[in-house]
């Protein structure tokens, strides 16, 4: 078994943070959605959904799913889209943009 120093281990460490779907340049419609749970600042458990791209988790807000559903009703063959994010906190809004 290979041994590493604390310094080497710390330098190789990558935080497991969750990104946002809007961080991606494009999203495939056939990605698998997984359920997750987290704890907020008040200590309350909440549920959210993620997709995984290149071993990184990206949160998928419910409003993105709602907008994508509306787009798919008229464009069942949609393969890719992107998400634009505006605002912050409770004022955050997401716009789903079909790409093809």
C-alpha atoms as a PDB file:
ATOM      1  CA  UNK A   1       0.000   0.000   0.000  1.00  0.00           C
ATOM      2  CA  UNK A   2       1.368   3.398  -1.021  1.00  0.00           C
ATOM      3  CA  UNK A   3       1.939   5.794   1.835  1.00  0.00           C
ATOM      4  CA  UNK A   4       1.553   9.544   1.448  1.00  0.00           C
ATOM      5  CA  UNK A   5       2.447  12.375   3.736  1.00  0.00           C
ATOM      6  CA  UNK A   6      -0.222  14.602   5.208  1.00  0.00           C
ATOM      7  CA  UNK A   7       0.999  17.399   2.924  1.00  0.00           C
ATOM      8  CA  UNK A   8       0.648  15.216  -0.203  1.00  0.00           C
ATOM      9  CA  UNK A   9      -2.796  14.062   0.876  1.00  0.00           C
ATOM     10  CA  UNK A  10      -3.941  17.623   1.601  1.00  0.00           C
ATOM     11  CA  UNK A  11      -2.671  18.883  -1.761  1.00  0.00           C
ATOM     12  CA  UNK A  12      -4.530  16.069  -3.573  1.00  0.00           C
ATOM     13  CA  UNK A  13      -7.764  16.639  -1.619  1.00  0.00           C
ATOM     14  CA  UNK A  14     -10.785  17.777  -3.617  1.00  0.00           C
ATOM     15  CA  UNK A  15     -13.849  19.047  -1.803  1.00  0.00           C
ATOM     16  CA  UNK A  16     -17.095  17.252  -2.634  1.00  0.00           C
ATOM     17  CA  UNK A  17     -19.236  20.305  -3.246  1.00  0.00           C
ATOM     18  CA  UNK A  18     -22.428  20.230  -5.290  1.00  0.00           C
ATOM     19  CA  UNK A  19     -22.537  22.472  -8.332  1.00  0.00           C
ATOM     20  CA  UNK A  20     -25.620  23.874 -10.018  1.00  0.00           C
ATOM     21  CA  UNK A  21     -26.990  22.668 -13.345  1.00  0.00           C
ATOM     22  CA  UNK A  22     -26.605  26.253 -14.606  1.00  0.00           C
ATOM     23  CA  UNK A  23     -22.807  25.832 -14.229  1.00  0.00           C
ATOM     24  CA  UNK A  24     -22.776  23.391 -17.167  1.00  0.00           C
ATOM     25  CA  UNK A  25     -22.363  24.669 -20.761  1.00  0.00           C
ATOM     26  CA  UNK A  26     -24.890  22.071 -21.941  1.00  0.00           C
ATOM     27  CA  UNK A  27     -26.936  19.253 -20.395  1.00  0.00           C
ATOM     28  CA  UNK A  28     -28.018  15.978 -21.989  1.00  0.00           C
ATOM     29  CA  UNK A  29     -31.688  15.067 -21.460  1.00  0.00           C
ATOM     30  CA  UNK A  30     -30.847  11.390 -20.906  1.00  0.00           C
ATOM     31  CA  UNK A  31     -28.730  11.904 -17.760  1.00  0.00           C
ATOM     32  CA  UNK A  32     -29.808   9.957 -14.660  1.00  0.00           C
ATOM     33  CA  UNK A  33     -31.324  12.022 -11.820  1.00  0.00           C
ATOM     34  CA  UNK A  34     -30.473  10.938  -8.271  1.00  0.00           C
ATOM     35  CA  UNK A  35     -32.103  11.943  -4.970  1.00  0.00           C
ATOM     36  CA  UNK A  36     -30.021  13.436  -2.158  1.00  0.00           C
ATOM     37  CA  UNK A  37     -30.633  14.784   1.343  1.00  0.00           C
ATOM     38  CA  UNK A  38     -28.936  17.685   3.061  1.00  0.00           C
ATOM     39  CA  UNK A  39     -29.200  19.663   6.294  1.00  0.00           C
ATOM     40  CA  UNK A  40     -29.837  23.406   6.232  1.00  0.00           C
ATOM     41  CA  UNK A  41     -28.523  26.074   8.626  1.00  0.00           C
ATOM     42  CA  UNK A  42     -31.448  25.389  11.002  1.00  0.00           C
ATOM     43  CA  UNK A  43     -30.525  21.709  11.225  1.00  0.00           C
ATOM     44  CA  UNK A  44     -33.549  20.660   9.156  1.00  0.00           C
ATOM     45  CA  UNK A  45     -33.287  17.888   6.568  1.00  0.00           C
ATOM     46  CA  UNK A  46     -34.195  18.765   2.989  1.00  0.00           C
ATOM     47  CA  UNK A  47     -34.286  16.762  -0.234  1.00  0.00           C
ATOM     48  CA  UNK A  48     -32.862  17.733  -3.601  1.00  0.00           C
ATOM     49  CA  UNK A  49     -32.010  16.120  -6.920  1.00  0.00           C
ATOM     50  CA  UNK A  50     -28.701  15.956  -8.758  1.00  0.00           C
ATOM     51  CA  UNK A  51     -27.198  14.826 -12.030  1.00  0.00           C
ATOM     52  CA  UNK A  52     -23.611  13.600 -12.192  1.00  0.00           C
ATOM     53  CA  UNK A  53     -21.261  14.843 -14.911  1.00  0.00           C
ATOM     54  CA  UNK A  54     -17.546  13.903 -14.841  1.00  0.00           C
ATOM     55  CA  UNK A  55     -17.854  12.669 -11.224  1.00  0.00           C
ATOM     56  CA  UNK A  56     -19.248  16.057 -10.113  1.00  0.00           C
ATOM     57  CA  UNK A  57     -22.775  16.428  -8.726  1.00  0.00           C
ATOM     58  CA  UNK A  58     -24.955  19.276 -10.033  1.00  0.00           C
ATOM     59  CA  UNK A  59     -28.191  20.236  -8.277  1.00  0.00           C
ATOM     60  CA  UNK A  60     -31.333  20.269 -10.426  1.00  0.00           C
ATOM     61  CA  UNK A  61     -33.900  22.781  -9.095  1.00  0.00           C
ATOM     62  CA  UNK A  62     -37.582  21.829  -9.383  1.00  0.00           C
ATOM     63  CA  UNK A  63     -38.223  24.905 -11.541  1.00  0.00           C
ATOM     64  CA  UNK A  64     -35.750  23.575 -14.139  1.00  0.00           C
ATOM     65  CA  UNK A  65     -37.629  20.269 -14.277  1.00  0.00           C
ATOM     66  CA  UNK A  66     -40.932  22.153 -14.652  1.00  0.00           C
ATOM     67  CA  UNK A  67     -39.587  24.289 -17.516  1.00  0.00           C
ATOM     68  CA  UNK A  68     -37.960  21.298 -19.217  1.00  0.00           C
ATOM     69  CA  UNK A  69     -41.221  19.348 -19.020  1.00  0.00           C
ATOM     70  CA  UNK A  70     -43.048  22.184 -20.828  1.00  0.00           C
ATOM     71  CA  UNK A  71     -40.378  22.282 -23.547  1.00  0.00           C
ATOM     72  CA  UNK A  72     -40.457  18.488 -23.987  1.00  0.00           C
ATOM     73  CA  UNK A  73     -44.225  18.562 -24.549  1.00  0.00           C
ATOM     74  CA  UNK A  74     -43.563  20.404 -27.834  1.00  0.00           C
ATOM     75  CA  UNK A  75     -40.113  18.964 -28.574  1.00  0.00           C
ATOM     76  CA  UNK A  76     -40.051  15.289 -27.555  1.00  0.00           C
ATOM     77  CA  UNK A  77     -36.755  14.661 -29.387  1.00  0.00           C
ATOM     78  CA  UNK A  78     -34.770  17.343 -27.512  1.00  0.00           C
ATOM     79  CA  UNK A  79     -31.293  15.981 -26.702  1.00  0.00           C
ATOM     80  CA  UNK A  80     -29.470  18.947 -25.126  1.00  0.00           C
ATOM     81  CA  UNK A  81     -30.255  22.198 -23.338  1.00  0.00           C
ATOM     82  CA  UNK A  82     -28.596  24.757 -21.127  1.00  0.00           C
ATOM     83  CA  UNK A  83     -29.817  26.626 -18.070  1.00  0.00           C
ATOM     84  CA  UNK A  84     -29.379  30.341 -17.375  1.00  0.00           C
ATOM     85  CA  UNK A  85     -29.472  31.453 -13.759  1.00  0.00           C
ATOM     86  CA  UNK A  86     -30.373  34.970 -12.630  1.00  0.00           C
ATOM     87  CA  UNK A  87     -30.742  36.413  -9.153  1.00  0.00           C
ATOM     88  CA  UNK A  88     -29.583  35.009  -5.831  1.00  0.00           C
ATOM     89  CA  UNK A  89     -31.067  33.243  -2.830  1.00  0.00           C
ATOM     90  CA  UNK A  90     -34.853  33.077  -2.806  1.00  0.00           C
ATOM     91  CA  UNK A  91     -34.960  35.394  -5.864  1.00  0.00           C
ATOM     92  CA  UNK A  92     -33.037  32.948  -8.085  1.00  0.00           C
ATOM     93  CA  UNK A  93     -34.722  32.186 -11.394  1.00  0.00           C
ATOM     94  CA  UNK A  94     -33.765  29.587 -13.989  1.00  0.00           C
ATOM     95  CA  UNK A  95     -34.396  29.694 -17.737  1.00  0.00           C
ATOM     96  CA  UNK A  96     -34.129  26.476 -19.745  1.00  0.00           C
ATOM     97  CA  UNK A  97     -32.811  27.024 -23.280  1.00  0.00           C
ATOM     98  CA  UNK A  98     -33.199  24.166 -25.822  1.00  0.00           C
ATOM     99  CA  UNK A  99     -30.024  23.505 -27.859  1.00  0.00           C
ATOM    100  CA  UNK A 100     -30.963  20.631 -30.112  1.00  0.00           C
END
